[in-house]
Amino acid sequence: MKILIYSANFEPETTGIGKYSGEMASWLAAQGHIVHVVVAPPYYPAWKLSKGYDWPPYRREQWHGVQIWRAPLWVPNQPGGFKRVVHLLTFALSSFPVMLLQAFWRPDVVLTVAPAFVCAPTGWLTARLCGAKAWLHIQDFEVDVAFRMGMLKGAFLKRLVLGGESWMLRRFDVASSISASMLDKLRQKNVPKDRIVFFPNWVNISHIYPLSEPSIYRAELDISLETKVVLFSGTQGEKQGLMVIPDTARRLAHRDDIIFIICGDGVMRPKLEAASAGLANIRFLPLQPFERLGQLLGLADIHLLPQSPDAADLVLPSKLSGMLASGKPVIATCQMGTEIAMIVSQCGLVVPPENAAALAAAIERLVDDSELRSVLGQYGRRYAEENLAQDAVLGRMVKKMQSIRNEKSDAIESN
């Protein structure tokens, strides 16, 4: 098949949507499909253009058999509500002519990844111009999150934007997302059930697996085998509710057998570092190479998955799949009944969001019970193997693409 992927984030970004869009494209190319992608230059999670991408603004690259077209975008130093909208709009505008040119290539499927939802009209239009099937993949309900967290405000604006979003969603041949609760959200937005597809984030279970010996990071960071590592690794953004970590570390400062490691980058990192000043039991690491991800996740005795209470039912963090594959237990801070809680409760502990006392108690419980840690970690690994293996997830996606390609290419009737 000829597959066109349209995603603001892509390789060489090693976290979040860029990681998954890059892995998907390279996997498809390795399976013999012809893959083109239209993407932005790398900037995430540091919110700064990667070195070498300042100029030229438009460029063409080849990577792992994938043809890449990059279009520029504006990257704010301090992303907020309005700035984030402008940031995404600049890519939607700059990539518009590049996408229209791709219509002459006549792909079989055009897969648009959201965020950024502002790119959805262009992805849909490109597919319609060349007779391709239009697929929209929702990684994050960015519009709902923006209003829920106060990044965007106003009752009239909310009705207008959500109404337009629902209308656009119904234009696609396929609308997919990464969790059961997010699929429910698509149904609530009046997307026909027969167009909704479950397409979870995957994990390479041969790259991330339970280590048979201590992680190499223990020696590099001079962490003894007796010390238990509580690890947060990932993007340090506003939706993560990360400020609970310094508060929790302060409550556990009397435990010299516990150390917190915060690894990654993002807009919240300066606030986290300021809140952690003077705490000897917190250490920060920069974003680590993908090749070492298995060793990094294997460093943890306990993984932390904090979430903001305003966003936990609208997102399913991509980092969770790697945590589960590592065979180590997870503690999530989220409300019961959310998708995160339903998964983590099988392989870890769930505590209320923004509750440092409850999180500290949960950490101590796992630190002091090695058998419980082992059992929960095994459950997590089994869940990853049975539900999130890369070949199985992407294989199902390809079968769906082949199925819709073979259907009659009648335009979708208006709803």
Protein backbone atom coordinates (compact mmCIF):
# COMPACT_ATOMS: atom_id res chain seq x y z
CA MET A 1 0.00 0.00 0.00
CA LYS A 2 0.89 3.65 -0.42
CA ILE A 3 0.43 5.33 2.97
CA LEU A 4 0.71 9.04 3.75
CA ILE A 5 1.18 9.98 7.42
CA TYR A 6 0.50 13.56 8.51
CA SER A 7 1.84 14.30 11.99
CA ALA A 8 3.22 17.43 13.63
CA ASN A 9 5.60 15.27 15.67
CA PHE A 10 8.00 12.69 14.27
CA GLU A 11 11.46 11.16 14.50
CA PRO A 12 14.02 12.05 15.90
CA GLU A 13 11.73 12.98 18.82
CA THR A 14 12.03 10.09 21.25
CA THR A 15 9.01 10.76 23.47
CA GLY A 16 5.29 11.12 22.98
CA ILE A 17 3.60 11.25 19.60
CA GLY A 18 6.84 11.77 17.66
CA LYS A 19 8.15 8.43 18.91
CA TYR A 20 5.03 6.53 17.87
CA SER A 21 4.61 8.22 14.48
CA GLY A 22 8.27 7.49 13.69
CA GLU A 23 8.06 3.86 14.80
CA MET A 24 4.85 3.35 12.84
CA ALA A 25 6.34 4.78 9.64
CA SER A 26 9.55 2.74 9.85
CA TRP A 27 7.63 -0.47 10.68
CA LEU A 28 5.31 0.02 7.70
CA ALA A 29 8.27 0.63 5.38
CA ALA A 30 10.01 -2.49 6.72
CA GLN A 31 6.87 -4.49 5.84
CA GLY A 32 7.15 -3.37 2.22
CA HIS A 33 4.66 -0.51 2.17
CA ILE A 34 5.54 2.79 0.47
CA VAL A 35 5.42 5.46 3.15
CA HIS A 36 5.49 9.24 2.85
CA VAL A 37 5.21 11.53 5.87
CA VAL A 38 4.57 15.27 6.18
CA VAL A 39 5.83 16.48 9.56
CA ALA A 40 7.32 19.42 11.45
CA PRO A 41 10.98 19.74 12.44
CA PRO A 42 11.77 18.14 15.83
CA TYR A 43 11.19 20.42 18.82
CA TYR A 44 9.56 18.31 21.55
CA PRO A 45 9.74 17.96 24.56
CA ALA A 46 12.27 20.81 24.95
CA TRP A 47 10.05 23.25 23.03
CA LYS A 48 13.03 24.34 21.00
CA LEU A 49 13.95 23.46 17.43
CA SER A 50 16.59 20.75 17.34
CA LYS A 51 20.04 21.77 16.17
CA GLY A 52 20.34 21.96 12.40
CA TYR A 53 16.63 22.49 11.73
CA ASP A 54 16.54 26.29 11.76
CA TRP A 55 17.18 26.48 8.02
CA PRO A 56 15.98 25.70 5.39
CA PRO A 57 12.36 25.87 6.57
CA TYR A 58 11.23 23.22 4.09
CA ARG A 59 13.28 20.12 3.48
CA ARG A 60 13.05 16.55 2.24
CA GLU A 61 14.75 13.62 3.96
CA GLN A 62 14.89 9.85 3.75
CA TRP A 63 14.95 7.69 6.87
CA HIS A 64 14.58 3.91 7.21
CA GLY A 65 12.95 3.72 3.79
CA VAL A 66 10.49 6.51 4.64
CA GLN A 67 10.23 9.68 2.51
CA ILE A 68 9.97 12.69 4.84
CA TRP A 69 8.76 16.19 3.98
CA ARG A 70 9.23 18.76 6.77
CA ALA A 71 7.30 22.01 6.98
CA PRO A 72 8.17 24.79 9.46
CA LEU A 73 6.30 25.87 12.56
CA TRP A 74 6.63 28.51 15.24
CA VAL A 75 7.80 27.17 18.62
CA PRO A 76 7.06 29.38 21.66
CA ASN A 77 9.54 29.44 24.53
CA GLN A 78 6.74 29.28 27.10
CA PRO A 79 3.77 27.45 25.56
CA GLY A 80 0.42 28.54 26.97
CA GLY A 81 -3.16 28.29 25.77
CA PHE A 82 -3.19 30.92 23.01
CA LYS A 83 0.48 30.42 22.11
CA ARG A 84 -0.05 26.67 21.77
CA VAL A 85 -2.97 27.25 19.39
CA VAL A 86 -0.87 29.62 17.25
CA HIS A 87 2.01 27.14 17.34
CA LEU A 88 -0.19 24.38 15.89
CA LEU A 89 -1.84 26.70 13.38
CA THR A 90 1.53 27.69 11.92
CA PHE A 91 2.25 24.05 11.07
CA ALA A 92 -1.25 23.53 9.67
CA LEU A 93 -0.74 26.51 7.35
CA SER A 94 2.86 25.79 6.33
CA SER A 95 2.14 22.11 5.64
CA PHE A 96 -1.03 22.75 3.60
CA PRO A 97 0.69 23.10 0.19
CA VAL A 98 2.99 20.15 0.94
CA MET A 99 -0.01 17.94 1.66
CA LEU A 100 -1.81 19.05 -1.49
CA LEU A 101 1.25 18.11 -3.55
CA GLN A 102 1.11 14.65 -1.99
CA ALA A 103 -2.33 14.18 -3.57
CA PHE A 104 -0.57 13.79 -6.95
CA TRP A 105 1.25 10.77 -5.49
CA ARG A 106 -2.20 9.18 -4.99
CA PRO A 107 -1.77 7.36 -1.67
CA ASP A 108 -4.23 4.63 -0.70
CA VAL A 109 -4.64 5.92 2.87
CA VAL A 110 -3.99 9.32 4.43
CA LEU A 111 -3.49 8.96 8.19
CA THR A 112 -3.64 12.21 10.16
CA VAL A 113 -2.39 12.15 13.76
CA ALA A 114 -3.95 14.45 16.35
CA PRO A 115 -2.67 16.48 18.01
CA ALA A 116 -2.71 18.65 15.97
CA PHE A 117 -6.44 18.54 15.28
CA VAL A 118 -6.12 21.77 13.27
CA CYS A 119 -4.41 19.59 10.66
CA ALA A 120 -7.47 17.35 10.30
CA PRO A 121 -9.16 19.42 7.54
CA THR A 122 -6.02 19.27 5.39
CA GLY A 123 -5.61 15.54 5.94
CA TRP A 124 -9.24 14.94 4.99
CA LEU A 125 -9.08 17.23 1.94
CA THR A 126 -5.90 15.58 0.64
CA ALA A 127 -7.53 12.16 0.87
CA ARG A 128 -10.66 13.32 -0.93
CA LEU A 129 -8.70 15.00 -3.73
CA CYS A 130 -6.90 11.77 -4.64
CA GLY A 131 -9.56 9.20 -3.76
CA ALA A 132 -7.68 7.87 -0.72
CA LYS A 133 -9.28 6.74 2.51
CA ALA A 134 -9.11 9.34 5.29
CA TRP A 135 -8.03 8.06 8.73
CA LEU A 136 -7.83 10.30 11.81
CA HIS A 137 -5.92 8.93 14.80
CA ILE A 138 -6.56 10.68 18.13
CA GLN A 139 -3.64 10.47 20.55
CA ASP A 140 -5.01 13.23 22.76
CA PHE A 141 -8.33 15.10 22.90
CA GLU A 142 -6.45 18.37 22.91
CA VAL A 143 -9.55 20.56 22.58
CA ASP A 144 -11.28 19.03 25.61
CA VAL A 145 -8.06 19.17 27.62
CA ALA A 146 -7.49 22.82 26.71
CA PHE A 147 -10.94 23.84 28.00
CA ARG A 148 -10.81 21.51 31.02
CA MET A 149 -7.47 22.93 32.17
CA GLY A 150 -8.38 26.54 31.43
CA MET A 151 -6.00 26.99 28.49
CA LEU A 152 -9.03 28.06 26.44
CA LYS A 153 -12.07 29.71 27.99
CA GLY A 154 -15.56 30.90 27.16
CA ALA A 155 -18.90 29.10 26.77
CA PHE A 156 -19.50 30.40 23.25
CA LEU A 157 -15.98 29.54 22.11
CA LYS A 158 -16.35 26.07 23.60
CA ARG A 159 -19.62 25.39 21.77
CA LEU A 160 -18.16 26.70 18.53
CA VAL A 161 -14.90 24.75 18.69
CA LEU A 162 -16.40 21.47 19.94
CA GLY A 163 -19.17 21.69 17.34
CA GLY A 164 -16.62 22.15 14.58
CA GLU A 165 -14.53 19.31 15.95
CA SER A 166 -17.52 16.93 15.93
CA TRP A 167 -18.41 17.91 12.37
CA MET A 168 -14.85 17.29 11.20
CA LEU A 169 -14.57 13.96 12.99
CA ARG A 170 -17.62 12.65 11.13
CA ARG A 171 -16.04 13.35 7.76
CA PHE A 172 -13.34 10.66 8.16
CA ASP A 173 -13.62 7.07 6.97
CA VAL A 174 -11.91 5.91 10.18
CA ALA A 175 -11.47 7.63 13.54
CA SER A 176 -9.22 5.73 15.94
CA SER A 177 -7.91 6.27 19.44
CA ILE A 178 -5.77 4.59 22.07
CA SER A 179 -8.11 3.57 24.90
CA ALA A 180 -11.65 2.42 25.60
CA SER A 181 -12.58 5.69 27.33
CA MET A 182 -11.27 7.70 24.38
CA LEU A 183 -13.33 5.55 22.00
CA ASP A 184 -16.34 6.37 24.16
CA LYS A 185 -15.45 10.03 23.74
CA LEU A 186 -15.56 9.61 19.95
CA ARG A 187 -19.03 8.11 20.22
CA GLN A 188 -20.11 11.03 22.42
CA LYS A 189 -18.95 13.33 19.63
CA ASN A 190 -21.38 11.53 17.29
CA VAL A 191 -18.82 9.60 15.25
CA PRO A 192 -20.61 6.56 13.75
CA LYS A 193 -19.73 3.36 15.59
CA ASP A 194 -18.71 1.53 12.41
CA ARG A 195 -15.96 4.08 11.76
CA ILE A 196 -14.40 3.90 15.25
CA VAL A 197 -11.28 1.73 15.63
CA PHE A 198 -9.21 0.81 18.68
CA PHE A 199 -5.54 1.56 17.88
CA PRO A 200 -3.52 1.51 21.12
CA ASN A 201 0.01 2.72 21.60
CA TRP A 202 2.36 -0.23 21.41
CA VAL A 203 5.66 -1.29 22.88
CA ASN A 204 8.56 -3.23 21.42
CA ILE A 205 8.60 -6.05 23.98
CA SER A 206 11.93 -7.34 22.66
CA HIS A 207 13.55 -3.95 23.33
CA ILE A 208 11.95 -3.32 26.74
CA TYR A 209 11.79 -6.36 29.00
CA PRO A 210 12.48 -7.36 32.63
CA LEU A 211 16.22 -7.20 33.21
CA SER A 212 17.95 -10.31 34.52
CA GLU A 213 20.66 -8.24 36.24
CA PRO A 214 20.87 -4.71 37.66
CA SER A 215 20.50 -1.84 35.19
CA ILE A 216 23.74 -0.27 33.99
CA TYR A 217 22.38 3.03 35.30
CA ARG A 218 22.89 1.90 38.90
CA ALA A 219 26.64 1.82 38.46
CA GLU A 220 26.70 5.01 36.38
CA LEU A 221 24.64 6.91 38.97
CA ASP A 222 26.31 5.20 41.96
CA ILE A 223 23.03 3.84 43.33
CA SER A 224 23.44 0.82 45.59
CA LEU A 225 21.43 -2.36 45.10
CA GLU A 226 19.77 -1.79 48.48
CA THR A 227 18.37 1.60 47.43
CA LYS A 228 14.94 1.48 45.81
CA VAL A 229 14.51 3.71 42.75
CA VAL A 230 11.21 5.51 42.20
CA LEU A 231 11.33 6.61 38.57
CA PHE A 232 9.40 9.10 36.48
CA SER A 233 10.57 9.06 32.88
CA GLY A 234 8.86 11.07 30.17
CA THR A 235 7.69 14.45 29.04
CA GLN A 236 7.43 16.94 31.88
CA GLY A 237 4.27 18.73 30.81
CA GLU A 238 1.34 20.41 32.49
CA LYS A 239 -1.02 17.43 32.14
CA GLN A 240 1.18 15.14 34.24
CA GLY A 241 0.51 16.63 37.68
CA LEU A 242 4.23 16.35 38.40
CA MET A 243 4.44 18.78 41.30
CA VAL A 244 3.28 16.00 43.61
CA ILE A 245 6.70 14.34 43.24
CA PRO A 246 8.79 16.91 45.19
CA ASP A 247 6.12 17.00 47.92
CA THR A 248 6.21 13.22 48.16
CA ALA A 249 10.02 13.11 48.23
CA ARG A 250 10.00 15.61 51.07
CA ARG A 251 7.67 13.33 53.06
CA LEU A 252 10.04 10.39 52.46
CA ALA A 253 13.28 12.24 53.15
CA HIS A 254 13.77 10.14 56.29
CA ARG A 255 14.04 6.98 54.18
CA ASP A 256 17.67 6.69 53.07
CA ASP A 257 16.76 3.58 51.08
CA ILE A 258 14.54 5.47 48.59
CA ILE A 259 15.65 7.76 45.78
CA PHE A 260 13.53 9.56 43.19
CA ILE A 261 14.80 9.85 39.62
CA ILE A 262 13.08 12.31 37.27
CA CYS A 263 14.20 11.78 33.67
CA GLY A 264 13.24 13.79 30.60
CA ASP A 265 12.48 17.34 29.60
CA GLY A 266 9.54 19.70 29.21
CA VAL A 267 7.98 22.97 30.27
CA MET A 268 7.56 21.85 33.90
CA ARG A 269 11.18 20.96 34.48
CA PRO A 270 12.29 24.37 35.85
CA LYS A 271 9.40 24.33 38.35
CA LEU A 272 10.22 20.78 39.38
CA GLU A 273 13.88 21.62 39.91
CA ALA A 274 12.98 24.70 41.96
CA ALA A 275 10.54 22.70 44.11
CA SER A 276 13.19 19.99 44.64
CA ALA A 277 15.92 22.34 45.79
CA GLY A 278 17.57 21.02 48.95
CA LEU A 279 16.12 17.52 48.61
CA ALA A 280 18.93 14.97 48.59
CA ASN A 281 16.59 12.14 47.55
CA ILE A 282 15.70 13.56 44.11
CA ARG A 283 17.98 13.43 41.06
CA PHE A 284 17.32 14.72 37.55
CA LEU A 285 18.45 13.13 34.31
CA PRO A 286 18.19 14.58 30.80
CA LEU A 287 16.31 12.78 28.08
CA GLN A 288 18.09 9.48 27.39
CA PRO A 289 18.79 7.82 24.02
CA PHE A 290 16.15 5.39 22.77
CA GLU A 291 18.79 2.65 22.59
CA ARG A 292 19.10 2.80 26.40
CA LEU A 293 15.38 2.96 27.16
CA GLY A 294 15.22 -0.67 28.29
CA GLN A 295 18.04 -0.11 30.77
CA LEU A 296 16.51 3.15 31.98
CA LEU A 297 13.08 1.64 32.66
CA GLY A 298 14.76 -1.38 34.22
CA LEU A 299 16.44 0.95 36.72
CA ALA A 300 13.09 1.49 38.43
CA ASP A 301 11.88 -0.52 41.36
CA ILE A 302 8.68 1.52 41.11
CA HIS A 303 7.38 3.61 38.20
CA LEU A 304 5.45 6.82 38.84
CA LEU A 305 2.57 7.86 36.57
CA PRO A 306 1.21 11.12 37.99
CA GLN A 307 -1.68 12.77 36.16
CA SER A 308 -3.60 16.01 36.49
CA PRO A 309 -7.17 15.37 37.70
CA ASP A 310 -8.43 17.57 34.85
CA ALA A 311 -6.92 15.41 32.10
CA ALA A 312 -6.74 11.81 33.32
CA ASP A 313 -9.94 10.69 31.55
CA LEU A 314 -8.99 12.41 28.28
CA VAL A 315 -5.53 10.93 27.73
CA LEU A 316 -3.78 7.60 28.15
CA PRO A 317 -0.07 8.36 28.61
CA SER A 318 2.12 6.69 26.00
CA LYS A 319 4.82 6.11 28.63
CA LEU A 320 2.62 3.55 30.39
CA SER A 321 3.29 0.85 27.77
CA GLY A 322 7.04 0.91 28.43
CA MET A 323 6.52 0.85 32.19
CA LEU A 324 4.38 -2.28 31.90
CA ALA A 325 6.83 -4.01 29.53
CA SER A 326 9.70 -3.43 31.97
CA GLY A 327 8.09 -5.78 34.48
CA LYS A 328 8.11 -3.24 37.32
CA PRO A 329 5.05 -2.04 39.29
CA VAL A 330 3.40 1.31 38.61
CA ILE A 331 1.81 3.84 40.95
CA ALA A 332 -0.66 6.13 39.18
CA THR A 333 -2.19 9.27 40.65
CA CYS A 334 -5.65 9.46 39.10
CA GLN A 335 -9.32 9.06 39.87
CA MET A 336 -10.79 5.58 40.08
CA GLY A 337 -12.91 4.68 37.08
CA THR A 338 -10.57 6.27 34.55
CA GLU A 339 -8.86 4.18 31.88
CA ILE A 340 -5.50 4.70 33.59
CA ALA A 341 -6.86 3.41 36.90
CA MET A 342 -8.45 0.35 35.31
CA ILE A 343 -5.14 -0.71 33.75
CA VAL A 344 -2.79 0.23 36.59
CA SER A 345 -4.95 -1.38 39.27
CA GLN A 346 -4.04 -4.74 37.71
CA CYS A 347 -0.29 -4.18 37.91
CA GLY A 348 0.27 -1.51 40.54
CA LEU A 349 -1.42 0.91 42.90
CA VAL A 350 -3.77 3.82 42.28
CA VAL A 351 -3.91 6.86 44.58
CA PRO A 352 -5.86 10.13 44.34
CA PRO A 353 -4.24 12.85 42.21
CA GLU A 354 -2.25 15.63 43.88
CA ASN A 355 -2.21 13.73 47.20
CA ALA A 356 1.41 13.52 48.35
CA ALA A 357 0.53 11.73 51.60
CA ALA A 358 -1.28 8.92 49.76
CA LEU A 359 1.50 8.64 47.18
CA ALA A 360 4.17 8.45 49.88
CA ALA A 361 2.22 5.70 51.68
CA ALA A 362 1.87 3.72 48.44
CA ILE A 363 5.58 4.02 47.72
CA GLU A 364 6.50 2.82 51.20
CA ARG A 365 4.10 -0.10 50.86
CA LEU A 366 5.81 -1.32 47.69
CA VAL A 367 9.33 -0.57 48.89
CA ASP A 368 8.73 -2.69 51.98
CA ASP A 369 7.08 -5.61 50.13
CA SER A 370 9.39 -7.14 47.52
CA GLU A 371 6.98 -9.99 46.80
CA LEU A 372 4.15 -7.58 45.97
CA ARG A 373 6.46 -5.61 43.69
CA SER A 374 7.39 -8.79 41.86
CA VAL A 375 3.82 -10.00 41.43
CA LEU A 376 2.52 -6.66 40.19
CA GLY A 377 5.47 -6.30 37.81
CA GLN A 378 4.75 -9.72 36.33
CA TYR A 379 1.11 -8.77 35.78
CA GLY A 380 2.22 -5.63 33.95
CA ARG A 381 4.59 -7.54 31.68
CA ARG A 382 1.89 -10.06 30.86
CA TYR A 383 -0.55 -7.26 30.00
CA ALA A 384 2.02 -5.70 27.64
CA GLU A 385 2.73 -9.01 25.91
CA GLU A 386 -0.96 -9.82 25.43
CA ASN A 387 -2.26 -6.38 24.45
CA LEU A 388 0.52 -3.97 23.42
CA ALA A 389 3.10 -5.91 21.36
CA GLN A 390 4.19 -3.76 18.42
CA ASP A 391 3.84 -6.34 15.64
CA ALA A 392 0.33 -7.33 16.74
CA VAL A 393 -0.96 -3.75 17.12
CA LEU A 394 0.47 -2.46 13.83
CA GLY A 395 -0.49 -5.67 12.04
CA ARG A 396 -4.14 -5.09 12.99
CA MET A 397 -3.87 -1.51 11.75
CA VAL A 398 -2.60 -2.66 8.35
CA LYS A 399 -5.43 -5.19 8.01
CA LYS A 400 -7.95 -2.41 8.68
CA MET A 401 -6.25 -0.17 6.11
CA GLN A 402 -6.39 -2.94 3.52
CA SER A 403 -10.03 -3.52 4.34
CA ILE A 404 -11.11 0.10 3.89
CA ARG A 405 -8.95 0.48 0.77
CA ASN A 406 -10.88 -2.34 -0.83
CA GLU A 407 -14.25 -0.82 -0.04
CA LYS A 408 -16.06 1.30 -2.59
CA SER A 409 -14.68 4.83 -2.45
CA ASP A 410 -18.02 6.57 -2.19
CA ALA A 411 -17.85 9.83 -0.28
CA ILE A 412 -19.14 9.77 3.27
CA GLU A 413 -22.71 11.03 3.50
CA SER A 414 -23.25 14.11 5.61
CA ASN A 415 -24.52 13.43 9.12
